[in-house]
Amino acid sequence: MDINEVHRIAKLSRLELSASEAVAVLPQLEAVFALVEQMQAVNTDQIEPLSHPILFIEDLAEPLRVDACTESNAREQNMANAPAQAEGYFLVPRVIE
C-alpha cells in the first residue's frame, strides 16, 4: 500500500485528507489490512456458522423468550394512560408547521 492508495480510499470514502493526515493514516490502514489477511488465512471449512454467537458465551447468554402473542388487544388500557386521544389514537402536539 502506498500514499496514492490512501488518497484513493479517502476519496471513495468522501474524506478530505491533507498530505500529513494521509501519511499518518497509511500505517493504520496497513495494520487493518494485515489483520484482515490473518483472519482470511484461518481455515473455517469445518466450522459451523453461528446464527447468534452471543448465545454461546455462557456469561453473556440470555435465554430467548418464545415469540408468542401474550395480549391480544390492550388499546383501551394504553389509551387510559394517554394525556390526549381521539377515536382510539394518541394526540400529540404539532411539531412541524
N, C-alpha and C. Protein backbone atom coordinates (compact mmCIF):
# COMPACT_ATOMS: atom_id res chain seq x y z
N MET A 1 0.85 -1.17 0.00
CA MET A 1 0.00 0.00 0.00
C MET A 1 0.90 1.23 0.00
N ASP A 2 0.47 2.24 -0.73
CA ASP A 2 1.24 3.48 -0.76
C ASP A 2 0.30 4.67 -0.52
N ILE A 3 0.87 5.85 -0.53
CA ILE A 3 0.12 7.06 -0.22
C ILE A 3 -0.99 7.32 -1.25
N ASN A 4 -0.77 6.90 -2.50
CA ASN A 4 -1.80 7.07 -3.53
C ASN A 4 -3.04 6.23 -3.21
N GLU A 5 -2.81 5.02 -2.69
CA GLU A 5 -3.93 4.18 -2.28
C GLU A 5 -4.71 4.82 -1.13
N VAL A 6 -4.00 5.44 -0.21
CA VAL A 6 -4.66 6.12 0.91
C VAL A 6 -5.56 7.23 0.37
N HIS A 7 -5.06 8.00 -0.57
CA HIS A 7 -5.86 9.09 -1.14
C HIS A 7 -7.05 8.53 -1.92
N ARG A 8 -6.86 7.40 -2.62
CA ARG A 8 -7.95 6.78 -3.36
C ARG A 8 -9.04 6.29 -2.40
N ILE A 9 -8.63 5.64 -1.32
CA ILE A 9 -9.60 5.16 -0.33
C ILE A 9 -10.31 6.33 0.33
N ALA A 10 -9.58 7.39 0.62
CA ALA A 10 -10.19 8.58 1.22
C ALA A 10 -11.23 9.18 0.27
N LYS A 11 -10.89 9.22 -1.01
CA LYS A 11 -11.82 9.78 -2.00
C LYS A 11 -13.08 8.91 -2.09
N LEU A 12 -12.91 7.59 -2.10
CA LEU A 12 -14.06 6.69 -2.15
C LEU A 12 -14.92 6.83 -0.89
N SER A 13 -14.28 7.16 0.22
CA SER A 13 -14.98 7.35 1.49
C SER A 13 -15.51 8.77 1.65
N ARG A 14 -15.25 9.59 0.66
CA ARG A 14 -15.63 11.00 0.68
C ARG A 14 -15.03 11.72 1.88
N LEU A 15 -13.74 11.44 2.10
CA LEU A 15 -12.98 12.10 3.16
C LEU A 15 -11.92 12.99 2.54
N GLU A 16 -11.72 14.14 3.12
CA GLU A 16 -10.64 15.01 2.68
C GLU A 16 -9.48 14.85 3.65
N LEU A 17 -8.35 14.33 3.14
CA LEU A 17 -7.16 14.16 3.97
C LEU A 17 -6.05 15.06 3.45
N SER A 18 -5.42 15.75 4.36
CA SER A 18 -4.24 16.52 3.98
C SER A 18 -3.10 15.53 3.77
N ALA A 19 -1.99 16.00 3.23
CA ALA A 19 -0.84 15.13 2.98
C ALA A 19 -0.33 14.54 4.29
N SER A 20 -0.28 15.35 5.34
CA SER A 20 0.22 14.84 6.62
C SER A 20 -0.76 13.83 7.24
N GLU A 21 -2.06 14.05 7.07
CA GLU A 21 -3.04 13.09 7.57
C GLU A 21 -2.94 11.77 6.83
N ALA A 22 -2.74 11.85 5.51
CA ALA A 22 -2.60 10.63 4.71
C ALA A 22 -1.38 9.83 5.15
N VAL A 23 -0.29 10.52 5.42
CA VAL A 23 0.93 9.84 5.89
C VAL A 23 0.66 9.17 7.24
N ALA A 24 -0.09 9.82 8.11
CA ALA A 24 -0.40 9.27 9.43
C ALA A 24 -1.35 8.07 9.33
N VAL A 25 -2.25 8.09 8.37
CA VAL A 25 -3.24 7.03 8.21
C VAL A 25 -2.64 5.79 7.56
N LEU A 26 -1.62 5.96 6.75
CA LEU A 26 -1.04 4.84 6.00
C LEU A 26 -0.68 3.65 6.89
N PRO A 27 0.10 3.81 7.96
CA PRO A 27 0.42 2.63 8.78
C PRO A 27 -0.81 2.03 9.48
N GLN A 28 -1.80 2.86 9.78
CA GLN A 28 -3.02 2.35 10.41
C GLN A 28 -3.79 1.46 9.43
N LEU A 29 -3.90 1.92 8.19
CA LEU A 29 -4.57 1.10 7.17
C LEU A 29 -3.81 -0.18 6.91
N GLU A 30 -2.49 -0.09 6.86
CA GLU A 30 -1.68 -1.29 6.65
C GLU A 30 -1.91 -2.30 7.77
N ALA A 31 -2.03 -1.82 9.01
CA ALA A 31 -2.29 -2.72 10.14
C ALA A 31 -3.66 -3.37 10.03
N VAL A 32 -4.65 -2.61 9.60
CA VAL A 32 -6.00 -3.16 9.43
C VAL A 32 -5.99 -4.23 8.35
N PHE A 33 -5.36 -3.94 7.22
CA PHE A 33 -5.32 -4.92 6.13
C PHE A 33 -4.51 -6.15 6.50
N ALA A 34 -3.47 -5.99 7.30
CA ALA A 34 -2.70 -7.14 7.77
C ALA A 34 -3.57 -8.03 8.67
N LEU A 35 -4.37 -7.42 9.51
CA LEU A 35 -5.27 -8.19 10.37
C LEU A 35 -6.31 -8.93 9.54
N VAL A 36 -6.84 -8.28 8.52
CA VAL A 36 -7.81 -8.93 7.64
C VAL A 36 -7.17 -10.11 6.94
N GLU A 37 -5.94 -9.97 6.48
CA GLU A 37 -5.23 -11.08 5.83
C GLU A 37 -5.06 -12.25 6.79
N GLN A 38 -4.74 -11.96 8.05
CA GLN A 38 -4.60 -13.03 9.05
C GLN A 38 -5.93 -13.76 9.25
N MET A 39 -7.01 -13.01 9.32
CA MET A 39 -8.32 -13.63 9.51
C MET A 39 -8.72 -14.46 8.30
N GLN A 40 -8.40 -13.98 7.09
CA GLN A 40 -8.74 -14.72 5.89
C GLN A 40 -7.92 -16.00 5.76
N ALA A 41 -6.75 -16.05 6.39
CA ALA A 41 -5.89 -17.22 6.31
C ALA A 41 -6.39 -18.37 7.19
N VAL A 42 -7.28 -18.09 8.13
CA VAL A 42 -7.79 -19.13 9.02
C VAL A 42 -8.74 -20.03 8.24
N ASN A 43 -8.51 -21.35 8.34
CA ASN A 43 -9.36 -22.32 7.67
C ASN A 43 -10.63 -22.54 8.48
N THR A 44 -11.75 -22.14 7.94
CA THR A 44 -13.03 -22.27 8.64
C THR A 44 -13.97 -23.24 7.93
N ASP A 45 -13.41 -24.09 7.06
CA ASP A 45 -14.25 -25.02 6.29
C ASP A 45 -15.06 -25.96 7.17
N GLN A 46 -14.48 -26.41 8.28
CA GLN A 46 -15.15 -27.38 9.15
C GLN A 46 -15.89 -26.71 10.31
N ILE A 47 -15.98 -25.40 10.29
CA ILE A 47 -16.64 -24.66 11.37
C ILE A 47 -18.08 -24.36 10.98
N GLU A 48 -18.99 -24.73 11.85
CA GLU A 48 -20.41 -24.46 11.61
C GLU A 48 -20.69 -22.98 11.88
N PRO A 49 -21.36 -22.28 10.96
CA PRO A 49 -21.68 -20.87 11.21
C PRO A 49 -22.60 -20.72 12.42
N LEU A 50 -22.42 -19.64 13.15
CA LEU A 50 -23.26 -19.37 14.31
C LEU A 50 -24.36 -18.40 13.92
N SER A 51 -25.59 -18.75 14.25
CA SER A 51 -26.69 -17.83 13.93
C SER A 51 -26.71 -16.65 14.88
N HIS A 52 -26.26 -16.89 16.12
CA HIS A 52 -26.25 -15.82 17.11
C HIS A 52 -25.11 -16.12 18.08
N PRO A 53 -23.88 -15.68 17.77
CA PRO A 53 -22.70 -16.07 18.56
C PRO A 53 -22.80 -15.76 20.04
N ILE A 54 -23.50 -14.73 20.44
CA ILE A 54 -23.55 -14.36 21.85
C ILE A 54 -24.20 -15.46 22.69
N LEU A 55 -25.03 -16.29 22.08
CA LEU A 55 -25.68 -17.37 22.81
C LEU A 55 -24.69 -18.42 23.29
N PHE A 56 -23.51 -18.46 22.67
CA PHE A 56 -22.53 -19.47 23.02
C PHE A 56 -21.52 -18.97 24.04
N ILE A 57 -21.64 -17.74 24.47
CA ILE A 57 -20.80 -17.20 25.54
C ILE A 57 -21.65 -17.26 26.80
N GLU A 58 -21.40 -18.25 27.64
CA GLU A 58 -22.29 -18.53 28.76
C GLU A 58 -22.51 -17.34 29.69
N ASP A 59 -21.47 -16.54 29.91
CA ASP A 59 -21.61 -15.41 30.83
C ASP A 59 -22.53 -14.32 30.29
N LEU A 60 -22.64 -14.24 28.97
CA LEU A 60 -23.44 -13.18 28.35
C LEU A 60 -24.78 -13.66 27.82
N ALA A 61 -24.94 -14.98 27.70
CA ALA A 61 -26.13 -15.52 27.05
C ALA A 61 -27.38 -15.26 27.89
N GLU A 62 -28.39 -14.80 27.23
CA GLU A 62 -29.70 -14.60 27.84
C GLU A 62 -30.63 -15.63 27.20
N PRO A 63 -31.47 -16.27 27.98
CA PRO A 63 -32.41 -17.20 27.36
C PRO A 63 -33.39 -16.44 26.48
N LEU A 64 -33.66 -16.99 25.32
CA LEU A 64 -34.60 -16.34 24.41
C LEU A 64 -36.02 -16.69 24.83
N ARG A 65 -36.90 -15.71 24.77
CA ARG A 65 -38.29 -15.97 25.10
C ARG A 65 -39.01 -16.48 23.86
N VAL A 66 -40.09 -17.15 24.09
CA VAL A 66 -40.90 -17.65 22.99
C VAL A 66 -41.55 -16.45 22.31
N ASP A 67 -41.52 -16.43 21.00
CA ASP A 67 -42.11 -15.34 20.24
C ASP A 67 -43.60 -15.62 20.08
N ALA A 68 -44.37 -15.26 21.08
CA ALA A 68 -45.80 -15.54 21.06
C ALA A 68 -46.56 -14.30 21.53
N CYS A 69 -47.74 -14.14 20.97
CA CYS A 69 -48.61 -13.03 21.36
C CYS A 69 -49.19 -13.34 22.74
N THR A 70 -48.98 -12.44 23.68
CA THR A 70 -49.47 -12.68 25.04
C THR A 70 -50.72 -11.87 25.34
N GLU A 71 -50.88 -10.74 24.69
CA GLU A 71 -52.07 -9.92 24.89
C GLU A 71 -52.64 -9.59 23.52
N SER A 72 -53.90 -9.86 23.33
CA SER A 72 -54.47 -9.67 22.00
C SER A 72 -54.74 -8.20 21.68
N ASN A 73 -55.27 -7.45 22.63
CA ASN A 73 -55.57 -6.05 22.36
C ASN A 73 -55.56 -5.27 23.67
N ALA A 74 -54.61 -4.38 23.79
CA ALA A 74 -54.50 -3.58 25.01
C ALA A 74 -54.78 -2.11 24.72
N ARG A 75 -55.53 -1.84 23.66
CA ARG A 75 -55.77 -0.46 23.25
C ARG A 75 -56.43 0.36 24.35
N GLU A 76 -57.46 -0.16 24.95
CA GLU A 76 -58.16 0.60 26.00
C GLU A 76 -57.24 0.89 27.17
N GLN A 77 -56.45 -0.11 27.55
CA GLN A 77 -55.50 0.07 28.65
C GLN A 77 -54.45 1.13 28.30
N ASN A 78 -53.95 1.09 27.07
CA ASN A 78 -52.97 2.09 26.63
C ASN A 78 -53.58 3.48 26.53
N MET A 79 -54.79 3.56 26.03
CA MET A 79 -55.45 4.85 25.88
C MET A 79 -55.75 5.49 27.24
N ALA A 80 -55.93 4.67 28.26
CA ALA A 80 -56.21 5.20 29.59
C ALA A 80 -55.03 6.02 30.11
N ASN A 81 -53.84 5.75 29.63
CA ASN A 81 -52.65 6.48 30.07
C ASN A 81 -52.34 7.69 29.20
N ALA A 82 -53.07 7.85 28.11
CA ALA A 82 -52.77 8.93 27.17
C ALA A 82 -53.30 10.26 27.68
N PRO A 83 -52.49 11.31 27.64
CA PRO A 83 -52.97 12.62 28.07
C PRO A 83 -54.02 13.19 27.11
N ALA A 84 -53.93 12.81 25.83
CA ALA A 84 -54.92 13.28 24.84
C ALA A 84 -55.14 12.18 23.82
N GLN A 85 -56.40 11.98 23.44
CA GLN A 85 -56.72 10.94 22.48
C GLN A 85 -57.97 11.32 21.70
N ALA A 86 -58.12 10.69 20.55
CA ALA A 86 -59.32 10.88 19.74
C ALA A 86 -59.52 9.65 18.87
N GLU A 87 -60.70 9.07 18.92
CA GLU A 87 -61.08 7.93 18.10
C GLU A 87 -60.08 6.77 18.20
N GLY A 88 -59.54 6.55 19.38
CA GLY A 88 -58.62 5.43 19.59
C GLY A 88 -57.18 5.70 19.19
N TYR A 89 -56.84 6.95 18.92
CA TYR A 89 -55.48 7.32 18.54
C TYR A 89 -54.92 8.32 19.54
N PHE A 90 -53.59 8.28 19.71
CA PHE A 90 -52.92 9.25 20.56
C PHE A 90 -52.89 10.59 19.85
N LEU A 91 -53.16 11.66 20.56
CA LEU A 91 -52.99 13.01 20.02
C LEU A 91 -51.70 13.57 20.59
N VAL A 92 -50.89 14.11 19.70
CA VAL A 92 -49.61 14.69 20.12
C VAL A 92 -49.52 16.12 19.63
N PRO A 93 -48.71 16.95 20.29
CA PRO A 93 -48.57 18.33 19.82
C PRO A 93 -47.94 18.38 18.43
N ARG A 94 -48.38 19.35 17.66
CA ARG A 94 -47.82 19.54 16.33
C ARG A 94 -46.38 20.04 16.47
N VAL A 95 -45.45 19.41 15.76
CA VAL A 95 -44.05 19.83 15.83
C VAL A 95 -43.57 20.43 14.51
N ILE A 96 -44.30 20.19 13.44
CA ILE A 96 -43.95 20.75 12.13
C ILE A 96 -45.12 21.58 11.65
N GLU A 97 -44.86 22.82 11.34
CA GLU A 97 -45.93 23.71 10.87
C GLU A 97 -46.11 23.56 9.38
